[in-house]
Amino acid sequence: ENLYLHSARKGLDPTQNFSGLVTNQVGFNRVVT
């Protein structure tokens, strides 16, 4: 899961919602089983 993410935006995860609210969302963690 979450093997690769390419974005022109550096430092931000484009899959996250940045609405100004603080949430406990985990970033781009790779999981291999």
PDB file of all heavy atoms in Angstrom:
ATOM      1  N   GLU A   1       0.850  -1.190   0.000  1.00  0.00           N
ATOM      2  CA  GLU A   1       0.000   0.000   0.000  1.00  0.00           C
ATOM      3  C   GLU A   1       0.884   1.239   0.000  1.00  0.00           C
ATOM      4  O   GLU A   1       1.942   1.259   0.624  1.00  0.00           O
ATOM      5  CB  GLU A   1      -0.901   0.025   1.235  1.00  0.00           C
ATOM      6  CG  GLU A   1      -1.864  -1.129   1.317  1.00  0.00           C
ATOM      7  CD  GLU A   1      -2.678  -1.083   2.596  1.00  0.00           C
ATOM      8  OE1 GLU A   1      -2.834  -0.006   3.189  1.00  0.00           O
ATOM      9  OE2 GLU A   1      -3.146  -2.152   3.001  1.00  0.00           O
ATOM     10  N   ASN A   2       0.423   2.260  -0.696  1.00  0.00           N
ATOM     11  CA  ASN A   2       1.113   3.562  -0.748  1.00  0.00           C
ATOM     12  C   ASN A   2       2.558   3.429  -1.197  1.00  0.00           C
ATOM     13  O   ASN A   2       3.480   3.903  -0.543  1.00  0.00           O
ATOM     14  CB  ASN A   2       1.049   4.260   0.610  1.00  0.00           C
ATOM     15  CG  ASN A   2      -0.361   4.564   1.012  1.00  0.00           C
ATOM     16  OD1 ASN A   2      -1.197   4.861   0.172  1.00  0.00           O
ATOM     17  ND2 ASN A   2      -0.646   4.474   2.291  1.00  0.00           N
ATOM     18  N   LEU A   3       2.747   2.803  -2.347  1.00  0.00           N
ATOM     19  CA  LEU A   3       4.100   2.591  -2.844  1.00  0.00           C
ATOM     20  C   LEU A   3       4.742   3.845  -3.417  1.00  0.00           C
ATOM     21  O   LEU A   3       5.947   4.037  -3.304  1.00  0.00           O
ATOM     22  CB  LEU A   3       4.093   1.513  -3.926  1.00  0.00           C
ATOM     23  CG  LEU A   3       3.951   0.091  -3.450  1.00  0.00           C
ATOM     24  CD1 LEU A   3       3.986  -0.860  -4.629  1.00  0.00           C
ATOM     25  CD2 LEU A   3       5.049  -0.257  -2.477  1.00  0.00           C
ATOM     26  N   TYR A   4       3.951   4.700  -4.049  1.00  0.00           N
ATOM     27  CA  TYR A   4       4.551   5.828  -4.757  1.00  0.00           C
ATOM     28  C   TYR A   4       3.578   6.996  -4.808  1.00  0.00           C
ATOM     29  O   TYR A   4       2.381   6.815  -4.997  1.00  0.00           O
ATOM     30  CB  TYR A   4       4.905   5.382  -6.182  1.00  0.00           C
ATOM     31  CG  TYR A   4       5.576   6.433  -7.004  1.00  0.00           C
ATOM     32  CD1 TYR A   4       6.900   6.773  -6.790  1.00  0.00           C
ATOM     33  CD2 TYR A   4       4.892   7.094  -8.003  1.00  0.00           C
ATOM     34  CE1 TYR A   4       7.529   7.741  -7.556  1.00  0.00           C
ATOM     35  CE2 TYR A   4       5.501   8.058  -8.781  1.00  0.00           C
ATOM     36  CZ  TYR A   4       6.829   8.375  -8.551  1.00  0.00           C
ATOM     37  OH  TYR A   4       7.439   9.331  -9.305  1.00  0.00           O
ATOM     38  N   LEU A   5       4.116   8.181  -4.661  1.00  0.00           N
ATOM     39  CA  LEU A   5       3.334   9.418  -4.800  1.00  0.00           C
ATOM     40  C   LEU A   5       4.210  10.458  -5.475  1.00  0.00           C
ATOM     41  O   LEU A   5       5.302  10.768  -4.996  1.00  0.00           O
ATOM     42  CB  LEU A   5       2.872   9.947  -3.442  1.00  0.00           C
ATOM     43  CG  LEU A   5       2.130  11.289  -3.474  1.00  0.00           C
ATOM     44  CD1 LEU A   5       0.803  11.151  -4.203  1.00  0.00           C
ATOM     45  CD2 LEU A   5       1.922  11.814  -2.075  1.00  0.00           C
ATOM     46  N   HIS A   6       3.754  10.943  -6.622  1.00  0.00           N
ATOM     47  CA  HIS A   6       4.476  11.993  -7.340  1.00  0.00           C
ATOM     48  C   HIS A   6       3.572  13.207  -7.447  1.00  0.00           C
ATOM     49  O   HIS A   6       2.433  13.113  -7.884  1.00  0.00           O
ATOM     50  CB  HIS A   6       4.877  11.530  -8.737  1.00  0.00           C
ATOM     51  CG  HIS A   6       5.559  12.605  -9.517  1.00  0.00           C
ATOM     52  ND1 HIS A   6       6.862  12.966  -9.280  1.00  0.00           N
ATOM     53  CD2 HIS A   6       5.108  13.412 -10.494  1.00  0.00           C
ATOM     54  CE1 HIS A   6       7.180  13.952 -10.094  1.00  0.00           C
ATOM     55  NE2 HIS A   6       6.134  14.237 -10.847  1.00  0.00           N
ATOM     56  N   SER A   7       4.100  14.358  -7.035  1.00  0.00           N
ATOM     57  CA  SER A   7       3.342  15.598  -7.076  1.00  0.00           C
ATOM     58  C   SER A   7       4.300  16.756  -7.319  1.00  0.00           C
ATOM     59  O   SER A   7       5.452  16.726  -6.881  1.00  0.00           O
ATOM     60  CB  SER A   7       2.605  15.813  -5.751  1.00  0.00           C
ATOM     61  OG  SER A   7       2.015  17.083  -5.722  1.00  0.00           O
ATOM     62  N   ALA A   8       3.817  17.772  -8.001  1.00  0.00           N
ATOM     63  CA  ALA A   8       4.614  18.979  -8.212  1.00  0.00           C
ATOM     64  C   ALA A   8       4.738  19.774  -6.917  1.00  0.00           C
ATOM     65  O   ALA A   8       5.668  20.555  -6.754  1.00  0.00           O
ATOM     66  CB  ALA A   8       3.984  19.836  -9.300  1.00  0.00           C
ATOM     67  N   ARG A   9       3.821  19.578  -5.997  1.00  0.00           N
ATOM     68  CA  ARG A   9       3.849  20.284  -4.717  1.00  0.00           C
ATOM     69  C   ARG A   9       4.812  19.596  -3.771  1.00  0.00           C
ATOM     70  O   ARG A   9       4.624  18.451  -3.399  1.00  0.00           O
ATOM     71  CB  ARG A   9       2.460  20.311  -4.092  1.00  0.00           C
ATOM     72  CG  ARG A   9       1.461  21.042  -4.929  1.00  0.00           C
ATOM     73  CD  ARG A   9       0.107  20.938  -4.276  1.00  0.00           C
ATOM     74  NE  ARG A   9      -0.442  22.273  -4.167  1.00  0.00           N
ATOM     75  CZ  ARG A   9      -1.524  22.569  -3.499  1.00  0.00           C
ATOM     76  NH1 ARG A   9      -2.167  21.632  -2.841  1.00  0.00           N
ATOM     77  NH2 ARG A   9      -1.971  23.793  -3.473  1.00  0.00           N
ATOM     78  N   LYS A  10       5.831  20.279  -3.349  1.00  0.00           N
ATOM     79  CA  LYS A  10       6.819  19.725  -2.431  1.00  0.00           C
ATOM     80  C   LYS A  10       6.404  19.999  -0.986  1.00  0.00           C
ATOM     81  O   LYS A  10       6.018  21.110  -0.643  1.00  0.00           O
ATOM     82  CB  LYS A  10       8.194  20.332  -2.692  1.00  0.00           C
ATOM     83  CG  LYS A  10       8.711  20.079  -4.091  1.00  0.00           C
ATOM     84  CD  LYS A  10       8.854  18.601  -4.348  1.00  0.00           C
ATOM     85  CE  LYS A  10       9.341  18.368  -5.768  1.00  0.00           C
ATOM     86  NZ  LYS A  10       9.091  17.036  -6.245  1.00  0.00           N
ATOM     87  N   GLY A  11       6.471  18.973  -0.151  1.00  0.00           N
ATOM     88  CA  GLY A  11       6.180  19.141   1.269  1.00  0.00           C
ATOM     89  C   GLY A  11       4.726  18.970   1.639  1.00  0.00           C
ATOM     90  O   GLY A  11       4.400  18.846   2.803  1.00  0.00           O
ATOM     91  N   LEU A  12       3.832  18.937   0.679  1.00  0.00           N
ATOM     92  CA  LEU A  12       2.403  18.766   0.970  1.00  0.00           C
ATOM     93  C   LEU A  12       1.904  17.472   0.351  1.00  0.00           C
ATOM     94  O   LEU A  12       2.332  17.091  -0.727  1.00  0.00           O
ATOM     95  CB  LEU A  12       1.590  19.932   0.407  1.00  0.00           C
ATOM     96  CG  LEU A  12       1.865  21.303   1.018  1.00  0.00           C
ATOM     97  CD1 LEU A  12       1.077  22.371   0.259  1.00  0.00           C
ATOM     98  CD2 LEU A  12       1.485  21.327   2.474  1.00  0.00           C
ATOM     99  N   ASP A  13       1.016  16.818   1.042  1.00  0.00           N
ATOM    100  CA  ASP A  13       0.371  15.616   0.522  1.00  0.00           C
ATOM    101  C   ASP A  13      -0.903  16.059  -0.191  1.00  0.00           C
ATOM    102  O   ASP A  13      -1.853  16.501   0.459  1.00  0.00           O
ATOM    103  CB  ASP A  13       0.055  14.659   1.669  1.00  0.00           C
ATOM    104  CG  ASP A  13      -0.539  13.345   1.196  1.00  0.00           C
ATOM    105  OD1 ASP A  13      -0.850  13.211  -0.003  1.00  0.00           O
ATOM    106  OD2 ASP A  13      -0.693  12.447   2.039  1.00  0.00           O
ATOM    107  N   PRO A  14      -0.973  15.948  -1.510  1.00  0.00           N
ATOM    108  CA  PRO A  14      -2.140  16.433  -2.243  1.00  0.00           C
ATOM    109  C   PRO A  14      -3.408  15.628  -1.986  1.00  0.00           C
ATOM    110  O   PRO A  14      -4.493  16.045  -2.357  1.00  0.00           O
ATOM    111  CB  PRO A  14      -1.715  16.331  -3.709  1.00  0.00           C
ATOM    112  CG  PRO A  14      -0.668  15.292  -3.727  1.00  0.00           C
ATOM    113  CD  PRO A  14       0.029  15.390  -2.413  1.00  0.00           C
ATOM    114  N   THR A  15      -3.291  14.480  -1.329  1.00  0.00           N
ATOM    115  CA  THR A  15      -4.472  13.682  -1.020  1.00  0.00           C
ATOM    116  C   THR A  15      -5.146  14.127   0.273  1.00  0.00           C
ATOM    117  O   THR A  15      -6.233  13.662   0.590  1.00  0.00           O
ATOM    118  CB  THR A  15      -4.117  12.193  -0.911  1.00  0.00           C
ATOM    119  OG1 THR A  15      -3.211  11.997   0.176  1.00  0.00           O
ATOM    120  CG2 THR A  15      -3.482  11.694  -2.203  1.00  0.00           C
ATOM    121  N   GLN A  16      -4.491  15.004   1.020  1.00  0.00           N
ATOM    122  CA  GLN A  16      -5.041  15.490   2.282  1.00  0.00           C
ATOM    123  C   GLN A  16      -5.839  16.763   2.062  1.00  0.00           C
ATOM    124  O   GLN A  16      -5.584  17.522   1.141  1.00  0.00           O
ATOM    125  CB  GLN A  16      -3.913  15.773   3.275  1.00  0.00           C
ATOM    126  CG  GLN A  16      -3.096  14.574   3.646  1.00  0.00           C
ATOM    127  CD  GLN A  16      -3.853  13.619   4.535  1.00  0.00           C
ATOM    128  OE1 GLN A  16      -4.703  14.021   5.314  1.00  0.00           O
ATOM    129  NE2 GLN A  16      -3.558  12.346   4.416  1.00  0.00           N
ATOM    130  N   ASN A  17      -6.783  17.014   2.946  1.00  0.00           N
ATOM    131  CA  ASN A  17      -7.589  18.223   2.920  1.00  0.00           C
ATOM    132  C   ASN A  17      -6.970  19.231   3.887  1.00  0.00           C
ATOM    133  O   ASN A  17      -6.866  18.971   5.073  1.00  0.00           O
ATOM    134  CB  ASN A  17      -9.025  17.895   3.325  1.00  0.00           C
ATOM    135  CG  ASN A  17      -9.917  19.109   3.310  1.00  0.00           C
ATOM    136  OD1 ASN A  17      -9.543  20.155   2.788  1.00  0.00           O
ATOM    137  ND2 ASN A  17     -11.097  18.976   3.878  1.00  0.00           N
ATOM    138  N   PHE A  18      -6.551  20.365   3.371  1.00  0.00           N
ATOM    139  CA  PHE A  18      -5.957  21.402   4.200  1.00  0.00           C
ATOM    140  C   PHE A  18      -6.940  22.554   4.349  1.00  0.00           C
ATOM    141  O   PHE A  18      -6.830  23.588   3.704  1.00  0.00           O
ATOM    142  CB  PHE A  18      -4.637  21.895   3.578  1.00  0.00           C
ATOM    143  CG  PHE A  18      -3.590  20.838   3.561  1.00  0.00           C
ATOM    144  CD1 PHE A  18      -3.320  20.124   2.405  1.00  0.00           C
ATOM    145  CD2 PHE A  18      -2.879  20.534   4.705  1.00  0.00           C
ATOM    146  CE1 PHE A  18      -2.357  19.145   2.389  1.00  0.00           C
ATOM    147  CE2 PHE A  18      -1.907  19.547   4.700  1.00  0.00           C
ATOM    148  CZ  PHE A  18      -1.653  18.850   3.539  1.00  0.00           C
ATOM    149  N   SER A  19      -7.924  22.359   5.210  1.00  0.00           N
ATOM    150  CA  SER A  19      -8.986  23.351   5.383  1.00  0.00           C
ATOM    151  C   SER A  19      -8.742  24.258   6.586  1.00  0.00           C
ATOM    152  O   SER A  19      -9.560  25.121   6.882  1.00  0.00           O
ATOM    153  CB  SER A  19     -10.329  22.641   5.548  1.00  0.00           C
ATOM    154  OG  SER A  19     -10.313  21.846   6.722  1.00  0.00           O
ATOM    155  N   GLY A  20      -7.631  24.061   7.288  1.00  0.00           N
ATOM    156  CA  GLY A  20      -7.358  24.863   8.466  1.00  0.00           C
ATOM    157  C   GLY A  20      -7.726  24.167   9.758  1.00  0.00           C
ATOM    158  O   GLY A  20      -7.345  24.607  10.832  1.00  0.00           O
ATOM    159  N   LEU A  21      -8.451  23.059   9.677  1.00  0.00           N
ATOM    160  CA  LEU A  21      -8.811  22.292  10.873  1.00  0.00           C
ATOM    161  C   LEU A  21      -7.704  21.313  11.199  1.00  0.00           C
ATOM    162  O   LEU A  21      -7.037  20.767  10.321  1.00  0.00           O
ATOM    163  CB  LEU A  21     -10.116  21.533  10.635  1.00  0.00           C
ATOM    164  CG  LEU A  21     -11.344  22.387  10.339  1.00  0.00           C
ATOM    165  CD1 LEU A  21     -12.539  21.506  10.025  1.00  0.00           C
ATOM    166  CD2 LEU A  21     -11.648  23.292  11.516  1.00  0.00           C
ATOM    167  N   VAL A  22      -7.494  21.070  12.478  1.00  0.00           N
ATOM    168  CA  VAL A  22      -6.480  20.113  12.907  1.00  0.00           C
ATOM    169  C   VAL A  22      -7.130  18.739  12.989  1.00  0.00           C
ATOM    170  O   VAL A  22      -8.111  18.542  13.693  1.00  0.00           O
ATOM    171  CB  VAL A  22      -5.899  20.510  14.283  1.00  0.00           C
ATOM    172  CG1 VAL A  22      -4.899  19.469  14.752  1.00  0.00           C
ATOM    173  CG2 VAL A  22      -5.264  21.880  14.219  1.00  0.00           C
ATOM    174  N   THR A  23      -6.573  17.789  12.250  1.00  0.00           N
ATOM    175  CA  THR A  23      -7.056  16.409  12.295  1.00  0.00           C
ATOM    176  C   THR A  23      -5.864  15.489  12.470  1.00  0.00           C
ATOM    177  O   THR A  23      -4.735  15.834  12.137  1.00  0.00           O
ATOM    178  CB  THR A  23      -7.813  16.026  11.006  1.00  0.00           C
ATOM    179  OG1 THR A  23      -6.920  16.181   9.903  1.00  0.00           O
ATOM    180  CG2 THR A  23      -9.046  16.887  10.801  1.00  0.00           C
ATOM    181  N   ASN A  24      -6.115  14.320  12.997  1.00  0.00           N
ATOM    182  CA  ASN A  24      -5.054  13.336  13.209  1.00  0.00           C
ATOM    183  C   ASN A  24      -5.024  12.357  12.046  1.00  0.00           C
ATOM    184  O   ASN A  24      -5.334  11.188  12.193  1.00  0.00           O
ATOM    185  CB  ASN A  24      -5.280  12.584  14.523  1.00  0.00           C
ATOM    186  CG  ASN A  24      -5.124  13.482  15.718  1.00  0.00           C
ATOM    187  OD1 ASN A  24      -4.318  14.400  15.684  1.00  0.00           O
ATOM    188  ND2 ASN A  24      -5.889  13.235  16.754  1.00  0.00           N
ATOM    189  N   GLN A  25      -4.631  12.827  10.890  1.00  0.00           N
ATOM    190  CA  GLN A  25      -4.540  11.958   9.724  1.00  0.00           C
ATOM    191  C   GLN A  25      -3.098  11.525   9.534  1.00  0.00           C
ATOM    192  O   GLN A  25      -2.181  12.332   9.595  1.00  0.00           O
ATOM    193  CB  GLN A  25      -5.036  12.682   8.476  1.00  0.00           C
ATOM    194  CG  GLN A  25      -6.513  12.999   8.529  1.00  0.00           C
ATOM    195  CD  GLN A  25      -6.983  13.680   7.264  1.00  0.00           C
ATOM    196  OE1 GLN A  25      -6.196  14.012   6.401  1.00  0.00           O
ATOM    197  NE2 GLN A  25      -8.271  13.875   7.166  1.00  0.00           N
ATOM    198  N   VAL A  26      -2.941  10.237   9.310  1.00  0.00           N
ATOM    199  CA  VAL A  26      -1.612   9.693   9.081  1.00  0.00           C
ATOM    200  C   VAL A  26      -1.220  10.001   7.651  1.00  0.00           C
ATOM    201  O   VAL A  26      -2.020   9.891   6.739  1.00  0.00           O
ATOM    202  CB  VAL A  26      -1.612   8.168   9.338  1.00  0.00           C
ATOM    203  CG1 VAL A  26      -0.259   7.571   9.030  1.00  0.00           C
ATOM    204  CG2 VAL A  26      -2.019   7.895  10.772  1.00  0.00           C
ATOM    205  N   GLY A  27       0.022  10.353   7.441  1.00  0.00           N
ATOM    206  CA  GLY A  27       0.506  10.703   6.117  1.00  0.00           C
ATOM    207  C   GLY A  27       0.689   9.505   5.218  1.00  0.00           C
ATOM    208  O   GLY A  27       0.018   8.493   5.337  1.00  0.00           O
ATOM    209  N   PHE A  28       1.640   9.619   4.352  1.00  0.00           N
ATOM    210  CA  PHE A  28       1.889   8.634   3.300  1.00  0.00           C
ATOM    211  C   PHE A  28       2.774   7.508   3.829  1.00  0.00           C
ATOM    212  O   PHE A  28       3.984   7.509   3.639  1.00  0.00           O
ATOM    213  CB  PHE A  28       2.543   9.357   2.120  1.00  0.00           C
ATOM    214  CG  PHE A  28       2.578   8.566   0.860  1.00  0.00           C
ATOM    215  CD1 PHE A  28       1.434   8.410   0.113  1.00  0.00           C
ATOM    216  CD2 PHE A  28       3.745   7.987   0.426  1.00  0.00           C
ATOM    217  CE1 PHE A  28       1.464   7.687  -1.060  1.00  0.00           C
ATOM    218  CE2 PHE A  28       3.793   7.264  -0.743  1.00  0.00           C
ATOM    219  CZ  PHE A  28       2.644   7.119  -1.495  1.00  0.00           C
ATOM    220  N   ASN A  29       2.198   6.561   4.543  1.00  0.00           N
ATOM    221  CA  ASN A  29       2.938   5.423   5.098  1.00  0.00           C
ATOM    222  C   ASN A  29       2.912   4.258   4.133  1.00  0.00           C
ATOM    223  O   ASN A  29       1.858   3.913   3.597  1.00  0.00           O
ATOM    224  CB  ASN A  29       2.350   4.980   6.428  1.00  0.00           C
ATOM    225  CG  ASN A  29       2.524   6.025   7.490  1.00  0.00           C
ATOM    226  OD1 ASN A  29       3.506   6.747   7.493  1.00  0.00           O
ATOM    227  ND2 ASN A  29       1.571   6.122   8.390  1.00  0.00           N
ATOM    228  N   ARG A  30       4.054   3.638   3.932  1.00  0.00           N
ATOM    229  CA  ARG A  30       4.133   2.452   3.081  1.00  0.00           C
ATOM    230  C   ARG A  30       3.954   1.207   3.947  1.00  0.00           C
ATOM    231  O   ARG A  30       4.548   1.095   5.003  1.00  0.00           O
ATOM    232  CB  ARG A  30       5.482   2.387   2.381  1.00  0.00           C
ATOM    233  CG  ARG A  30       5.621   3.402   1.305  1.00  0.00           C
ATOM    234  CD  ARG A  30       6.968   3.274   0.604  1.00  0.00           C
ATOM    235  NE  ARG A  30       7.101   4.337  -0.358  1.00  0.00           N
ATOM    236  CZ  ARG A  30       7.664   5.505  -0.121  1.00  0.00           C
ATOM    237  NH1 ARG A  30       8.176   5.748   1.064  1.00  0.00           N
ATOM    238  NH2 ARG A  30       7.729   6.432  -1.049  1.00  0.00           N
ATOM    239  N   VAL A  31       3.145   0.280   3.444  1.00  0.00           N
ATOM    240  CA  VAL A  31       2.919  -0.985   4.142  1.00  0.00           C
ATOM    241  C   VAL A  31       3.139  -2.104   3.136  1.00  0.00           C
ATOM    242  O   VAL A  31       2.515  -2.117   2.070  1.00  0.00           O
ATOM    243  CB  VAL A  31       1.486  -1.068   4.704  1.00  0.00           C
ATOM    244  CG1 VAL A  31       1.253  -2.408   5.373  1.00  0.00           C
ATOM    245  CG2 VAL A  31       1.211   0.073   5.649  1.00  0.00           C
ATOM    246  N   VAL A  32       4.032  -3.040   3.463  1.00  0.00           N
ATOM    247  CA  VAL A  32       4.297  -4.187   2.600  1.00  0.00           C
ATOM    248  C   VAL A  32       4.079  -5.446   3.428  1.00  0.00           C
ATOM    249  O   VAL A  32       4.585  -5.559   4.545  1.00  0.00           O
ATOM    250  CB  VAL A  32       5.736  -4.164   2.044  1.00  0.00           C
ATOM    251  CG1 VAL A  32       5.989  -5.368   1.163  1.00  0.00           C
ATOM    252  CG2 VAL A  32       5.981  -2.871   1.271  1.00  0.00           C
ATOM    253  N   THR A  33       3.302  -6.378   2.870  1.00  0.00           N
ATOM    254  CA  THR A  33       2.973  -7.622   3.560  1.00  0.00           C
ATOM    255  C   THR A  33       3.321  -8.799   2.665  1.00  0.00           C
ATOM    256  O   THR A  33       3.008  -8.783   1.469  1.00  0.00           O
ATOM    257  CB  THR A  33       1.468  -7.673   3.887  1.00  0.00           C
ATOM    258  OG1 THR A  33       1.117  -6.501   4.616  1.00  0.00           O
ATOM    259  CG2 THR A  33       1.121  -8.898   4.686  1.00  0.00           C
TER     260      THR A  33
END
